[in-house]
Amino acid sequence: MEIFLQQLINSLSVASVTILIGMGITLIFGLAGIVNFAQGEFLMVGGMITWALVMAGVNFFVAMVVAMLAVGLLGLTAERTLFRFTLTRPMNGFIMSIGLSVILQNVVIRTLNEVQKSITPPVTAVWTVGGVDIIAMRAIVVAITAVVVAVTYFGISRSRYGVALRASVADQDTAALMGIPVKRYVTGVFVYGSVLAGLGGALMIALFPITPFTGSVIIIRGFAVSLIGGLGNVGGAVVGGLILGLVDALAAQYGFPQWTDAYSLIVMIVILILRPQGLLGGTMGPRAT
């Protein structure tokens, strides 16, 4: 049991990064109807920026904030110059996001080469609780993710901005007639989703080495998380991430660890067959006009 708990705790930190990217995917889809395949590369860029700053002597947590802002700016640029013109044609936006992911990947390869990058974790303490070793940095990653999830959830469910956002998702035409600047909200959500990806990248490189191809791997898990919980449902992204974390722990302890991603995809397929809208139900992804 102690070994299983150890694996579960370790998997939660990985699940936290997946939840962050899944939340970005589901928020952007929920309002704009854009399936942003470049979200994984946004995460990778955030990790690379964090690595470069830490190597230059910048404090990790300062580098994390800078990476979030930089990737947010990247998201703003992408939304304004690319995705804004595809809101009425989601398939075009999806294809464009694939092209953007390839471009970002190659820019990083040409700039930093294909060698994996890693940093020394900013916090190296290990806590032992009931015979289970808890790596402090992994606990910090989980804690930061929990705070971000709580802020996002209450921001959407309780704030005036969140009420207007949910109204825009429900009926954009009526929301616009009520004076809600729908396109501005689309931009805001896209930028916020990008910031979450930048945060995910910074936290990921504090745990594992990353390469220019990391985004292509993590995006699959990000979509799995979103689809399991319900594409367009923030709470669903959290539930989906926790389920995949449990699957990872079970695979590491009782199955074949090298098949972890396959197990996760099998779980996603089974859930979608039984409940196509996801466990908590998703949105239809309305489009701004």
Protein backbone atom coordinates (compact mmCIF):
# COMPACT_ATOMS: atom_id res chain seq x y z
CA MET A 1 0.00 0.00 0.00
CA GLU A 2 2.84 2.39 0.83
CA ILE A 3 4.35 1.83 -2.61
CA PHE A 4 1.00 2.52 -4.26
CA LEU A 5 0.57 5.71 -2.22
CA GLN A 6 4.07 6.75 -3.27
CA GLN A 7 3.20 6.24 -6.93
CA LEU A 8 -0.12 8.04 -6.50
CA ILE A 9 1.53 11.09 -4.93
CA ASN A 10 4.15 11.18 -7.70
CA SER A 11 1.45 10.87 -10.35
CA LEU A 12 -0.51 13.77 -8.87
CA SER A 13 2.29 16.19 -9.74
CA VAL A 14 2.27 15.03 -13.36
CA ALA A 15 -1.53 15.17 -13.36
CA SER A 16 -1.33 18.78 -12.13
CA VAL A 17 0.59 19.86 -15.23
CA THR A 18 -1.90 17.96 -17.39
CA ILE A 19 -4.80 19.68 -15.62
CA LEU A 20 -3.31 23.10 -16.40
CA ILE A 21 -3.03 22.40 -20.11
CA GLY A 22 -6.44 20.69 -20.12
CA MET A 23 -8.04 23.76 -18.51
CA GLY A 24 -6.52 25.97 -21.21
CA ILE A 25 -7.83 23.70 -23.95
CA THR A 26 -11.30 23.50 -22.48
CA LEU A 27 -11.63 27.23 -21.77
CA ILE A 28 -10.61 28.21 -25.29
CA PHE A 29 -12.93 25.63 -26.82
CA GLY A 30 -15.83 26.52 -24.55
CA LEU A 31 -16.03 30.14 -25.69
CA ALA A 32 -14.35 30.30 -29.08
CA GLY A 33 -14.94 26.78 -30.37
CA ILE A 34 -11.22 26.58 -31.21
CA VAL A 35 -9.47 23.25 -30.73
CA ASN A 36 -5.99 24.68 -30.09
CA PHE A 37 -3.49 21.95 -30.91
CA ALA A 38 -0.65 24.43 -30.34
CA GLN A 39 -1.37 24.50 -26.60
CA GLY A 40 1.26 21.81 -26.09
CA GLU A 41 3.90 23.93 -27.82
CA PHE A 42 2.87 26.91 -25.67
CA LEU A 43 3.68 24.73 -22.65
CA MET A 44 7.01 23.70 -24.17
CA VAL A 45 7.91 27.34 -24.88
CA GLY A 46 7.07 28.24 -21.28
CA GLY A 47 9.40 25.51 -20.07
CA MET A 48 12.20 26.62 -22.39
CA ILE A 49 11.88 30.26 -21.28
CA THR A 50 12.04 29.15 -17.66
CA TRP A 51 15.15 27.07 -18.38
CA ALA A 52 16.89 29.96 -20.18
CA LEU A 53 16.17 32.40 -17.33
CA VAL A 54 17.23 29.97 -14.61
CA MET A 55 20.46 29.25 -16.51
CA ALA A 56 21.02 33.03 -16.59
CA GLY A 57 20.79 33.13 -12.80
CA VAL A 58 17.18 34.24 -12.38
CA ASN A 59 15.23 32.84 -9.42
CA PHE A 60 12.97 29.98 -10.52
CA PHE A 61 9.73 31.52 -9.30
CA VAL A 62 10.56 34.85 -10.97
CA ALA A 63 11.36 32.92 -14.16
CA MET A 64 8.01 31.11 -13.84
CA VAL A 65 6.10 34.40 -13.74
CA VAL A 66 8.07 35.76 -16.72
CA ALA A 67 7.35 32.56 -18.68
CA MET A 68 3.63 32.89 -17.92
CA LEU A 69 3.59 36.49 -19.15
CA ALA A 70 5.67 35.68 -22.24
CA VAL A 71 3.45 32.77 -23.28
CA GLY A 72 0.39 34.91 -22.55
CA LEU A 73 1.78 37.50 -24.97
CA LEU A 74 2.40 34.72 -27.50
CA GLY A 75 -1.23 33.64 -27.10
CA LEU A 76 -2.45 37.22 -27.55
CA THR A 77 -0.42 37.56 -30.74
CA ALA A 78 -1.69 34.23 -32.09
CA GLU A 79 -5.32 35.08 -31.32
CA ARG A 80 -5.16 38.55 -32.84
CA THR A 81 -3.20 37.64 -35.98
CA LEU A 82 -4.38 34.08 -36.67
CA PHE A 83 -7.30 32.57 -34.77
CA ARG A 84 -9.55 35.65 -34.80
CA PHE A 85 -10.09 35.10 -38.51
CA THR A 86 -11.15 31.47 -38.06
CA LEU A 87 -13.83 31.84 -35.36
CA THR A 88 -16.65 31.13 -37.81
CA ARG A 89 -14.74 28.15 -39.28
CA PRO A 90 -13.45 26.03 -36.38
CA MET A 91 -11.87 23.44 -38.67
CA ASN A 92 -9.67 26.13 -40.20
CA GLY A 93 -8.64 27.16 -36.70
CA PHE A 94 -7.76 23.58 -35.82
CA ILE A 95 -5.62 23.18 -38.95
CA MET A 96 -3.98 26.55 -38.26
CA SER A 97 -3.15 25.47 -34.70
CA ILE A 98 -1.37 22.38 -36.05
CA GLY A 99 0.67 24.61 -38.36
CA LEU A 100 1.49 26.95 -35.48
CA SER A 101 2.64 24.04 -33.32
CA VAL A 102 5.03 22.87 -36.07
CA ILE A 103 6.40 26.40 -36.50
CA LEU A 104 7.00 26.88 -32.76
CA GLN A 105 8.62 23.47 -32.50
CA ASN A 106 11.03 24.22 -35.34
CA VAL A 107 11.84 27.71 -34.05
CA VAL A 108 12.87 26.20 -30.70
CA ILE A 109 14.89 23.46 -32.42
CA ARG A 110 16.75 26.01 -34.55
CA THR A 111 17.32 28.25 -31.53
CA LEU A 112 18.16 25.77 -28.78
CA ASN A 113 18.75 22.51 -30.76
CA GLU A 114 17.06 19.20 -29.95
CA VAL A 115 18.96 18.45 -26.75
CA GLN A 116 16.74 18.08 -23.68
CA LYS A 117 16.87 20.86 -21.14
CA SER A 118 16.65 20.47 -17.39
CA ILE A 119 17.17 22.50 -14.23
CA THR A 120 17.93 21.70 -10.63
CA PRO A 121 14.62 21.81 -8.71
CA PRO A 122 14.43 25.07 -6.75
CA VAL A 123 13.26 23.11 -3.68
CA THR A 124 15.02 19.81 -3.00
CA ALA A 125 13.62 18.82 0.40
CA VAL A 126 11.94 15.43 0.90
CA TRP A 127 9.28 14.91 3.55
CA THR A 128 8.45 11.50 4.98
CA VAL A 129 4.85 11.05 6.10
CA GLY A 130 3.66 7.65 7.28
CA GLY A 131 6.44 5.84 5.45
CA VAL A 132 5.73 7.71 2.18
CA ASP A 133 8.39 10.06 0.79
CA ILE A 134 6.97 13.31 -0.53
CA ILE A 135 9.28 15.37 -2.74
CA ALA A 136 8.71 18.99 -1.76
CA MET A 137 8.82 20.30 -5.35
CA ARG A 138 6.11 17.87 -6.42
CA ALA A 139 3.96 19.03 -3.49
CA ILE A 140 4.53 22.66 -4.54
CA VAL A 141 3.43 21.86 -8.09
CA VAL A 142 0.22 20.27 -6.78
CA ALA A 143 -0.40 23.21 -4.43
CA ILE A 144 0.11 25.84 -7.16
CA THR A 145 -2.23 23.94 -9.46
CA ALA A 146 -4.87 23.67 -6.72
CA VAL A 147 -4.73 27.44 -6.17
CA VAL A 148 -5.01 28.15 -9.90
CA VAL A 149 -7.95 25.75 -10.23
CA ALA A 150 -9.74 27.36 -7.28
CA VAL A 151 -9.17 30.90 -8.59
CA THR A 152 -10.34 29.90 -12.07
CA TYR A 153 -13.42 28.09 -10.79
CA PHE A 154 -14.55 30.88 -8.48
CA GLY A 155 -13.68 33.48 -11.09
CA ILE A 156 -15.97 31.80 -13.59
CA SER A 157 -18.77 30.94 -11.16
CA ARG A 158 -18.84 33.99 -8.87
CA SER A 159 -17.32 37.10 -10.49
CA ARG A 160 -19.09 39.51 -12.83
CA TYR A 161 -16.57 38.60 -15.52
CA GLY A 162 -17.42 34.94 -15.03
CA VAL A 163 -21.16 35.59 -15.30
CA ALA A 164 -20.62 37.51 -18.55
CA LEU A 165 -18.33 34.75 -19.79
CA ARG A 166 -20.91 32.06 -19.11
CA ALA A 167 -23.58 34.17 -20.79
CA SER A 168 -21.34 34.47 -23.86
CA VAL A 169 -20.90 30.70 -23.95
CA ALA A 170 -24.66 30.14 -23.66
CA ASP A 171 -25.70 32.62 -26.37
CA GLN A 172 -23.20 34.97 -27.94
CA ASP A 173 -25.75 36.95 -29.95
CA THR A 174 -27.88 37.74 -26.90
CA ALA A 175 -24.77 38.48 -24.83
CA ALA A 176 -23.60 40.95 -27.47
CA LEU A 177 -27.03 42.64 -27.49
CA MET A 178 -26.72 43.04 -23.71
CA GLY A 179 -23.49 44.95 -24.21
CA ILE A 180 -21.01 42.17 -23.48
CA PRO A 181 -17.88 42.54 -25.68
CA VAL A 182 -17.79 38.91 -26.79
CA LYS A 183 -14.70 39.16 -28.99
CA ARG A 184 -12.80 40.82 -26.17
CA TYR A 185 -13.80 37.93 -23.93
CA VAL A 186 -12.56 35.46 -26.55
CA THR A 187 -9.20 37.24 -26.52
CA GLY A 188 -9.10 37.24 -22.72
CA VAL A 189 -9.87 33.54 -22.49
CA PHE A 190 -7.28 32.70 -25.16
CA VAL A 191 -4.62 34.70 -23.31
CA TYR A 192 -5.55 33.11 -19.97
CA GLY A 193 -5.39 29.64 -21.50
CA SER A 194 -1.94 30.49 -22.86
CA VAL A 195 -0.80 31.74 -19.44
CA LEU A 196 -1.88 28.41 -17.95
CA ALA A 197 0.22 26.61 -20.56
CA GLY A 198 3.23 28.80 -19.69
CA LEU A 199 2.74 27.96 -16.01
CA GLY A 200 2.48 24.26 -16.86
CA GLY A 201 5.75 24.41 -18.79
CA ALA A 202 7.56 26.14 -15.92
CA LEU A 203 6.31 23.59 -13.42
CA MET A 204 7.09 20.69 -15.72
CA ILE A 205 10.75 21.61 -16.19
CA ALA A 206 11.07 21.79 -12.40
CA LEU A 207 10.18 18.08 -12.38
CA PHE A 208 11.45 16.60 -15.64
CA PRO A 209 13.72 17.44 -18.56
CA ILE A 210 11.90 18.79 -21.60
CA THR A 211 12.70 18.86 -25.31
CA PRO A 212 11.22 20.73 -28.28
CA PHE A 213 8.99 17.66 -28.77
CA THR A 214 7.53 17.65 -25.25
CA GLY A 215 4.49 19.64 -26.37
CA SER A 216 3.54 17.00 -28.94
CA VAL A 217 3.40 14.40 -26.17
CA ILE A 218 1.66 16.43 -23.47
CA ILE A 219 -1.04 17.76 -25.82
CA ILE A 220 -2.44 14.24 -26.24
CA ARG A 221 -2.87 13.91 -22.48
CA GLY A 222 -4.30 17.43 -22.35
CA PHE A 223 -7.03 16.54 -24.83
CA ALA A 224 -7.63 13.23 -23.05
CA VAL A 225 -8.20 15.13 -19.79
CA SER A 226 -10.57 17.58 -21.48
CA LEU A 227 -12.55 14.88 -23.28
CA ILE A 228 -12.86 12.62 -20.23
CA GLY A 229 -14.31 15.41 -18.10
CA GLY A 230 -16.25 17.11 -20.89
CA LEU A 231 -14.70 19.47 -23.46
CA GLY A 232 -15.55 23.01 -22.39
CA ASN A 233 -16.04 22.13 -18.71
CA VAL A 234 -13.33 23.44 -16.33
CA GLY A 235 -14.37 21.11 -13.52
CA GLY A 236 -14.30 18.26 -16.00
CA ALA A 237 -10.65 19.01 -16.82
CA VAL A 238 -9.79 18.64 -13.13
CA VAL A 239 -11.73 15.37 -12.83
CA GLY A 240 -10.12 14.06 -16.02
CA GLY A 241 -6.64 14.95 -14.74
CA LEU A 242 -7.23 13.18 -11.44
CA ILE A 243 -8.49 10.09 -13.25
CA LEU A 244 -5.40 9.97 -15.44
CA GLY A 245 -3.24 10.46 -12.35
CA LEU A 246 -4.89 7.42 -10.76
CA VAL A 247 -4.41 5.43 -13.97
CA ASP A 248 -0.71 6.39 -13.99
CA ALA A 249 -0.30 5.22 -10.39
CA LEU A 250 -2.07 1.91 -11.04
CA ALA A 251 -0.05 1.33 -14.21
CA ALA A 252 3.23 2.02 -12.44
CA GLN A 253 2.42 -0.34 -9.57
CA TYR A 254 0.37 -3.14 -11.10
CA GLY A 255 0.80 -2.89 -14.86
CA PHE A 256 3.47 -2.03 -17.41
CA PRO A 257 4.72 1.54 -16.76
CA GLN A 258 5.88 1.92 -20.36
CA TRP A 259 2.26 1.51 -21.45
CA THR A 260 0.96 4.32 -19.24
CA ASP A 261 -0.09 6.57 -22.13
CA ALA A 262 -1.87 3.64 -23.81
CA TYR A 263 -3.81 2.93 -20.61
CA SER A 264 -4.83 6.59 -20.40
CA LEU A 265 -6.10 6.60 -23.97
CA ILE A 266 -8.00 3.35 -23.41
CA VAL A 267 -9.73 4.92 -20.39
CA MET A 268 -10.62 7.95 -22.52
CA ILE A 269 -12.04 5.80 -25.31
CA VAL A 270 -14.15 3.71 -22.92
CA ILE A 271 -15.56 6.80 -21.20
CA LEU A 272 -16.40 8.48 -24.51
CA ILE A 273 -18.13 5.34 -25.77
CA LEU A 274 -20.26 5.15 -22.64
CA ARG A 275 -20.71 8.91 -22.23
CA PRO A 276 -19.78 10.87 -25.40
CA GLN A 277 -20.25 14.28 -23.71
CA GLY A 278 -17.72 13.42 -20.98
CA LEU A 279 -18.28 12.64 -17.32
CA LEU A 280 -19.46 16.13 -16.36
CA GLY A 281 -20.80 17.16 -19.76
CA GLY A 282 -19.22 19.66 -22.14
CA THR A 283 -20.29 22.64 -24.20
CA MET A 284 -20.90 22.82 -27.91
CA GLY A 285 -18.14 25.39 -28.26
CA PRO A 286 -20.05 28.44 -29.57
CA ARG A 287 -18.24 30.69 -32.01
CA ALA A 288 -17.89 34.44 -31.97
CA THR A 289 -19.24 36.26 -35.00
